[in-house]
Amino acid sequence: MNEVKDANGNPLNEGDTVVLTKDLKVKGTSVNLKRGTSFKNISLTANADEIECRSKKVKGLVLKTTFVKKK
């Protein structure tokens, strides 16, 4: 399995906490996620460029690792 890395090149693991590095619009919804939003207990996916996390506004959210940094 490929190593999953955040925007700064730090390795990410199951259960890590990450923070958004830029504002993102969530496709298919009217939700905007603001820079600095924290996501706890992330899950890794089969794709090394994506992580799955949960938000109060959006369940089952998949984010590109280029938009997050490890906290």
PDB file of N, CA and C in Angstrom:
ATOM      1  N   MET A   1       0.838  -1.185   0.000  1.00  0.00           N
ATOM      2  CA  MET A   1       0.000   0.000   0.000  1.00  0.00           C
ATOM      3  C   MET A   1       0.880   1.245   0.000  1.00  0.00           C
ATOM      4  N   ASN A   2       0.499   2.233  -0.798  1.00  0.00           N
ATOM      5  CA  ASN A   2       1.259   3.474  -0.867  1.00  0.00           C
ATOM      6  C   ASN A   2       1.101   4.266   0.420  1.00  0.00           C
ATOM      7  N   GLU A   3       2.148   4.988   0.788  1.00  0.00           N
ATOM      8  CA  GLU A   3       2.094   5.809   1.985  1.00  0.00           C
ATOM      9  C   GLU A   3       1.276   7.066   1.701  1.00  0.00           C
ATOM     10  N   VAL A   4       0.358   7.383   2.601  1.00  0.00           N
ATOM     11  CA  VAL A   4      -0.510   8.550   2.450  1.00  0.00           C
ATOM     12  C   VAL A   4       0.167   9.727   3.137  1.00  0.00           C
ATOM     13  N   LYS A   5       0.298  10.860   2.410  1.00  0.00           N
ATOM     14  CA  LYS A   5       0.971  12.040   2.956  1.00  0.00           C
ATOM     15  C   LYS A   5       0.076  13.268   2.825  1.00  0.00           C
ATOM     16  N   ASP A   6       0.228  14.201   3.779  1.00  0.00           N
ATOM     17  CA  ASP A   6      -0.542  15.437   3.739  1.00  0.00           C
ATOM     18  C   ASP A   6       0.122  16.449   2.808  1.00  0.00           C
ATOM     19  N   ALA A   7      -0.383  17.679   2.791  1.00  0.00           N
ATOM     20  CA  ALA A   7       0.131  18.714   1.898  1.00  0.00           C
ATOM     21  C   ALA A   7       1.597  19.055   2.179  1.00  0.00           C
ATOM     22  N   ASN A   8       2.050  18.852   3.411  1.00  0.00           N
ATOM     23  CA  ASN A   8       3.426  19.154   3.784  1.00  0.00           C
ATOM     24  C   ASN A   8       4.364  17.952   3.678  1.00  0.00           C
ATOM     25  N   GLY A   9       3.827  16.806   3.263  1.00  0.00           N
ATOM     26  CA  GLY A   9       4.644  15.611   3.112  1.00  0.00           C
ATOM     27  C   GLY A   9       4.736  14.756   4.357  1.00  0.00           C
ATOM     28  N   ASN A  10       3.961  15.077   5.394  1.00  0.00           N
ATOM     29  CA  ASN A  10       3.950  14.278   6.623  1.00  0.00           C
ATOM     30  C   ASN A  10       3.068  13.051   6.425  1.00  0.00           C
ATOM     31  N   PRO A  11       3.502  11.877   6.905  1.00  0.00           N
ATOM     32  CA  PRO A  11       2.681  10.667   6.743  1.00  0.00           C
ATOM     33  C   PRO A  11       1.405  10.730   7.572  1.00  0.00           C
ATOM     34  N   LEU A  12       0.299  10.250   7.002  1.00  0.00           N
ATOM     35  CA  LEU A  12      -0.987  10.192   7.692  1.00  0.00           C
ATOM     36  C   LEU A  12      -1.317   8.745   8.026  1.00  0.00           C
ATOM     37  N   ASN A  13      -1.935   8.551   9.174  1.00  0.00           N
ATOM     38  CA  ASN A  13      -2.329   7.222   9.638  1.00  0.00           C
ATOM     39  C   ASN A  13      -3.797   7.223  10.009  1.00  0.00           C
ATOM     40  N   GLU A  14      -4.379   6.016  10.111  1.00  0.00           N
ATOM     41  CA  GLU A  14      -5.761   5.879  10.582  1.00  0.00           C
ATOM     42  C   GLU A  14      -5.908   6.565  11.934  1.00  0.00           C
ATOM     43  N   GLY A  15      -6.980   7.341  12.107  1.00  0.00           N
ATOM     44  CA  GLY A  15      -7.256   7.960  13.396  1.00  0.00           C
ATOM     45  C   GLY A  15      -6.580   9.293  13.628  1.00  0.00           C
ATOM     46  N   ASP A  16      -5.764   9.766  12.685  1.00  0.00           N
ATOM     47  CA  ASP A  16      -5.110  11.071  12.844  1.00  0.00           C
ATOM     48  C   ASP A  16      -6.120  12.207  12.791  1.00  0.00           C
ATOM     49  N   THR A  17      -5.690  13.372  13.245  1.00  0.00           N
ATOM     50  CA  THR A  17      -6.478  14.593  13.142  1.00  0.00           C
ATOM     51  C   THR A  17      -5.820  15.475  12.088  1.00  0.00           C
ATOM     52  N   VAL A  18      -6.635  16.013  11.164  1.00  0.00           N
ATOM     53  CA  VAL A  18      -6.119  16.881  10.106  1.00  0.00           C
ATOM     54  C   VAL A  18      -6.884  18.196  10.091  1.00  0.00           C
ATOM     55  N   VAL A  19      -6.273  19.218   9.462  1.00  0.00           N
ATOM     56  CA  VAL A  19      -6.857  20.551   9.356  1.00  0.00           C
ATOM     57  C   VAL A  19      -6.845  20.962   7.885  1.00  0.00           C
ATOM     58  N   LEU A  20      -7.927  21.595   7.417  1.00  0.00           N
ATOM     59  CA  LEU A  20      -7.985  22.072   6.034  1.00  0.00           C
ATOM     60  C   LEU A  20      -7.028  23.233   5.817  1.00  0.00           C
ATOM     61  N   THR A  21      -6.371  23.257   4.664  1.00  0.00           N
ATOM     62  CA  THR A  21      -5.432  24.334   4.349  1.00  0.00           C
ATOM     63  C   THR A  21      -6.054  25.386   3.440  1.00  0.00           C
ATOM     64  N   LYS A  22      -7.262  25.147   2.922  1.00  0.00           N
ATOM     65  CA  LYS A  22      -7.958  26.143   2.101  1.00  0.00           C
ATOM     66  C   LYS A  22      -9.463  25.909   2.163  1.00  0.00           C
ATOM     67  N   ASP A  23     -10.242  26.932   1.841  1.00  0.00           N
ATOM     68  CA  ASP A  23     -11.699  26.808   1.806  1.00  0.00           C
ATOM     69  C   ASP A  23     -12.093  25.870   0.667  1.00  0.00           C
ATOM     70  N   LEU A  24     -13.061  24.984   0.933  1.00  0.00           N
ATOM     71  CA  LEU A  24     -13.502  24.028  -0.080  1.00  0.00           C
ATOM     72  C   LEU A  24     -15.020  24.037  -0.194  1.00  0.00           C
ATOM     73  N   LYS A  25     -15.519  23.950  -1.418  1.00  0.00           N
ATOM     74  CA  LYS A  25     -16.942  23.781  -1.687  1.00  0.00           C
ATOM     75  C   LYS A  25     -17.182  22.294  -1.856  1.00  0.00           C
ATOM     76  N   VAL A  26     -18.178  21.751  -1.157  1.00  0.00           N
ATOM     77  CA  VAL A  26     -18.475  20.326  -1.235  1.00  0.00           C
ATOM     78  C   VAL A  26     -19.424  20.081  -2.401  1.00  0.00           C
ATOM     79  N   LYS A  27     -19.007  19.260  -3.358  1.00  0.00           N
ATOM     80  CA  LYS A  27     -19.834  18.964  -4.537  1.00  0.00           C
ATOM     81  C   LYS A  27     -21.161  18.347  -4.141  1.00  0.00           C
ATOM     82  N   GLY A  28     -22.222  18.784  -4.814  1.00  0.00           N
ATOM     83  CA  GLY A  28     -23.535  18.200  -4.588  1.00  0.00           C
ATOM     84  C   GLY A  28     -24.263  18.754  -3.382  1.00  0.00           C
ATOM     85  N   THR A  29     -23.647  19.705  -2.675  1.00  0.00           N
ATOM     86  CA  THR A  29     -24.287  20.314  -1.513  1.00  0.00           C
ATOM     87  C   THR A  29     -24.065  21.824  -1.553  1.00  0.00           C
ATOM     88  N   SER A  30     -24.709  22.522  -0.627  1.00  0.00           N
ATOM     89  CA  SER A  30     -24.494  23.969  -0.524  1.00  0.00           C
ATOM     90  C   SER A  30     -23.508  24.274   0.598  1.00  0.00           C
ATOM     91  N   VAL A  31     -22.781  23.256   1.059  1.00  0.00           N
ATOM     92  CA  VAL A  31     -21.863  23.394   2.191  1.00  0.00           C
ATOM     93  C   VAL A  31     -20.496  23.893   1.727  1.00  0.00           C
ATOM     94  N   ASN A  32     -19.969  24.880   2.456  1.00  0.00           N
ATOM     95  CA  ASN A  32     -18.598  25.334   2.262  1.00  0.00           C
ATOM     96  C   ASN A  32     -17.819  25.015   3.526  1.00  0.00           C
ATOM     97  N   LEU A  33     -16.685  24.346   3.371  1.00  0.00           N
ATOM     98  CA  LEU A  33     -15.825  24.038   4.505  1.00  0.00           C
ATOM     99  C   LEU A  33     -14.736  25.097   4.569  1.00  0.00           C
ATOM    100  N   LYS A  34     -14.575  25.720   5.712  1.00  0.00           N
ATOM    101  CA  LYS A  34     -13.631  26.821   5.873  1.00  0.00           C
ATOM    102  C   LYS A  34     -12.218  26.328   6.186  1.00  0.00           C
ATOM    103  N   ARG A  35     -11.238  27.111   5.769  1.00  0.00           N
ATOM    104  CA  ARG A  35      -9.841  26.837   6.086  1.00  0.00           C
ATOM    105  C   ARG A  35      -9.696  26.789   7.605  1.00  0.00           C
ATOM    106  N   GLY A  36      -8.937  25.818   8.104  1.00  0.00           N
ATOM    107  CA  GLY A  36      -8.740  25.679   9.536  1.00  0.00           C
ATOM    108  C   GLY A  36      -9.703  24.710  10.190  1.00  0.00           C
ATOM    109  N   THR A  37     -10.688  24.180   9.411  1.00  0.00           N
ATOM    110  CA  THR A  37     -11.616  23.199   9.961  1.00  0.00           C
ATOM    111  C   THR A  37     -10.858  21.918  10.291  1.00  0.00           C
ATOM    112  N   SER A  38     -11.092  21.402  11.481  1.00  0.00           N
ATOM    113  CA  SER A  38     -10.383  20.215  11.955  1.00  0.00           C
ATOM    114  C   SER A  38     -11.255  18.970  11.798  1.00  0.00           C
ATOM    115  N   PHE A  39     -10.649  17.879  11.375  1.00  0.00           N
ATOM    116  CA  PHE A  39     -11.329  16.590  11.248  1.00  0.00           C
ATOM    117  C   PHE A  39     -10.566  15.577  12.080  1.00  0.00           C
ATOM    118  N   LYS A  40     -11.251  14.952  13.034  1.00  0.00           N
ATOM    119  CA  LYS A  40     -10.631  13.954  13.908  1.00  0.00           C
ATOM    120  C   LYS A  40     -10.928  12.557  13.396  1.00  0.00           C
ATOM    121  N   ASN A  41     -10.064  11.636  13.746  1.00  0.00           N
ATOM    122  CA  ASN A  41     -10.278  10.214  13.479  1.00  0.00           C
ATOM    123  C   ASN A  41     -10.520   9.914  11.994  1.00  0.00           C
ATOM    124  N   ILE A  42      -9.579  10.314  11.146  1.00  0.00           N
ATOM    125  CA  ILE A  42      -9.714  10.092   9.704  1.00  0.00           C
ATOM    126  C   ILE A  42      -9.554   8.612   9.376  1.00  0.00           C
ATOM    127  N   SER A  43     -10.042   8.229   8.197  1.00  0.00           N
ATOM    128  CA  SER A  43      -9.872   6.869   7.681  1.00  0.00           C
ATOM    129  C   SER A  43      -9.140   6.950   6.351  1.00  0.00           C
ATOM    130  N   LEU A  44      -8.238   6.026   6.126  1.00  0.00           N
ATOM    131  CA  LEU A  44      -7.531   5.972   4.850  1.00  0.00           C
ATOM    132  C   LEU A  44      -8.375   5.205   3.844  1.00  0.00           C
ATOM    133  N   THR A  45      -8.259   5.557   2.575  1.00  0.00           N
ATOM    134  CA  THR A  45      -8.992   4.876   1.509  1.00  0.00           C
ATOM    135  C   THR A  45      -8.009   4.067   0.671  1.00  0.00           C
ATOM    136  N   ALA A  46      -8.526   3.361  -0.316  1.00  0.00           N
ATOM    137  CA  ALA A  46      -7.675   2.582  -1.223  1.00  0.00           C
ATOM    138  C   ALA A  46      -6.803   3.500  -2.070  1.00  0.00           C
ATOM    139  N   ASN A  47      -7.257   4.732  -2.294  1.00  0.00           N
ATOM    140  CA  ASN A  47      -6.514   5.719  -3.073  1.00  0.00           C
ATOM    141  C   ASN A  47      -5.595   6.489  -2.130  1.00  0.00           C
ATOM    142  N   ALA A  48      -4.297   6.538  -2.407  1.00  0.00           N
ATOM    143  CA  ALA A  48      -3.323   7.204  -1.541  1.00  0.00           C
ATOM    144  C   ALA A  48      -3.481   8.720  -1.539  1.00  0.00           C
ATOM    145  N   ASP A  49      -4.236   9.281  -2.490  1.00  0.00           N
ATOM    146  CA  ASP A  49      -4.432  10.729  -2.569  1.00  0.00           C
ATOM    147  C   ASP A  49      -5.701  11.184  -1.860  1.00  0.00           C
ATOM    148  N   GLU A  50      -6.439  10.278  -1.220  1.00  0.00           N
ATOM    149  CA  GLU A  50      -7.703  10.638  -0.598  1.00  0.00           C
ATOM    150  C   GLU A  50      -7.812  10.061   0.812  1.00  0.00           C
ATOM    151  N   ILE A  51      -8.521  10.808   1.678  1.00  0.00           N
ATOM    152  CA  ILE A  51      -8.849  10.330   3.020  1.00  0.00           C
ATOM    153  C   ILE A  51     -10.347  10.493   3.226  1.00  0.00           C
ATOM    154  N   GLU A  52     -10.900   9.700   4.120  1.00  0.00           N
ATOM    155  CA  GLU A  52     -12.320   9.813   4.444  1.00  0.00           C
ATOM    156  C   GLU A  52     -12.436  10.357   5.860  1.00  0.00           C
ATOM    157  N   CYS A  53     -13.350  11.316   6.036  1.00  0.00           N
ATOM    158  CA  CYS A  53     -13.537  11.899   7.360  1.00  0.00           C
ATOM    159  C   CYS A  53     -15.004  12.261   7.545  1.00  0.00           C
ATOM    160  N   ARG A  54     -15.352  12.610   8.779  1.00  0.00           N
ATOM    161  CA  ARG A  54     -16.730  12.936   9.097  1.00  0.00           C
ATOM    162  C   ARG A  54     -16.808  14.370   9.576  1.00  0.00           C
ATOM    163  N   SER A  55     -17.836  15.060   9.100  1.00  0.00           N
ATOM    164  CA  SER A  55     -18.108  16.433   9.507  1.00  0.00           C
ATOM    165  C   SER A  55     -19.522  16.474  10.054  1.00  0.00           C
ATOM    166  N   LYS A  56     -19.824  17.458  10.877  1.00  0.00           N
ATOM    167  CA  LYS A  56     -21.192  17.605  11.374  1.00  0.00           C
ATOM    168  C   LYS A  56     -22.154  17.884  10.230  1.00  0.00           C
ATOM    169  N   LYS A  57     -21.666  18.562   9.195  1.00  0.00           N
ATOM    170  CA  LYS A  57     -22.509  18.948   8.065  1.00  0.00           C
ATOM    171  C   LYS A  57     -22.594  17.873   6.992  1.00  0.00           C
ATOM    172  N   VAL A  58     -21.506  17.118   6.801  1.00  0.00           N
ATOM    173  CA  VAL A  58     -21.432  16.128   5.714  1.00  0.00           C
ATOM    174  C   VAL A  58     -20.883  14.816   6.261  1.00  0.00           C
ATOM    175  N   LYS A  59     -21.625  13.736   6.076  1.00  0.00           N
ATOM    176  CA  LYS A  59     -21.160  12.407   6.506  1.00  0.00           C
ATOM    177  C   LYS A  59     -20.475  11.714   5.330  1.00  0.00           C
ATOM    178  N   GLY A  60     -19.441  10.932   5.625  1.00  0.00           N
ATOM    179  CA  GLY A  60     -18.744  10.197   4.569  1.00  0.00           C
ATOM    180  C   GLY A  60     -18.009  11.097   3.605  1.00  0.00           C
ATOM    181  N   LEU A  61     -17.413  12.161   4.108  1.00  0.00           N
ATOM    182  CA  LEU A  61     -16.716  13.147   3.282  1.00  0.00           C
ATOM    183  C   LEU A  61     -15.360  12.597   2.859  1.00  0.00           C
ATOM    184  N   VAL A  62     -15.044  12.687   1.569  1.00  0.00           N
ATOM    185  CA  VAL A  62     -13.740  12.253   1.060  1.00  0.00           C
ATOM    186  C   VAL A  62     -12.981  13.498   0.608  1.00  0.00           C
ATOM    187  N   LEU A  63     -11.787  13.668   1.152  1.00  0.00           N
ATOM    188  CA  LEU A  63     -10.966  14.839   0.840  1.00  0.00           C
ATOM    189  C   LEU A  63      -9.658  14.433   0.187  1.00  0.00           C
ATOM    190  N   LYS A  64      -9.169  15.271  -0.706  1.00  0.00           N
ATOM    191  CA  LYS A  64      -7.849  15.085  -1.294  1.00  0.00           C
ATOM    192  C   LYS A  64      -6.804  15.441  -0.238  1.00  0.00           C
ATOM    193  N   THR A  65      -5.740  14.681  -0.155  1.00  0.00           N
ATOM    194  CA  THR A  65      -4.717  14.927   0.852  1.00  0.00           C
ATOM    195  C   THR A  65      -3.950  16.219   0.599  1.00  0.00           C
ATOM    196  N   THR A  66      -4.024  16.780  -0.613  1.00  0.00           N
ATOM    197  CA  THR A  66      -3.335  18.036  -0.908  1.00  0.00           C
ATOM    198  C   THR A  66      -3.987  19.225  -0.219  1.00  0.00           C
ATOM    199  N   PHE A  67      -5.180  19.058   0.334  1.00  0.00           N
ATOM    200  CA  PHE A  67      -5.903  20.146   1.001  1.00  0.00           C
ATOM    201  C   PHE A  67      -5.891  20.031   2.517  1.00  0.00           C
ATOM    202  N   VAL A  68      -5.155  19.093   3.075  1.00  0.00           N
ATOM    203  CA  VAL A  68      -5.114  18.918   4.532  1.00  0.00           C
ATOM    204  C   VAL A  68      -3.683  18.840   5.035  1.00  0.00           C
ATOM    205  N   LYS A  69      -3.508  19.215   6.311  1.00  0.00           N
ATOM    206  CA  LYS A  69      -2.226  19.030   6.979  1.00  0.00           C
ATOM    207  C   LYS A  69      -2.458  18.369   8.316  1.00  0.00           C
ATOM    208  N   LYS A  70      -1.503  17.588   8.755  1.00  0.00           N
ATOM    209  CA  LYS A  70      -1.603  16.861  10.025  1.00  0.00           C
ATOM    210  C   LYS A  70      -1.523  17.857  11.180  1.00  0.00           C
ATOM    211  N   LYS A  71      -2.361  17.640  12.180  1.00  0.00           N
ATOM    212  CA  LYS A  71      -2.381  18.540  13.329  1.00  0.00           C
ATOM    213  C   LYS A  71      -1.417  18.055  14.387  1.00  0.00           C
TER     214      LYS A  71
END
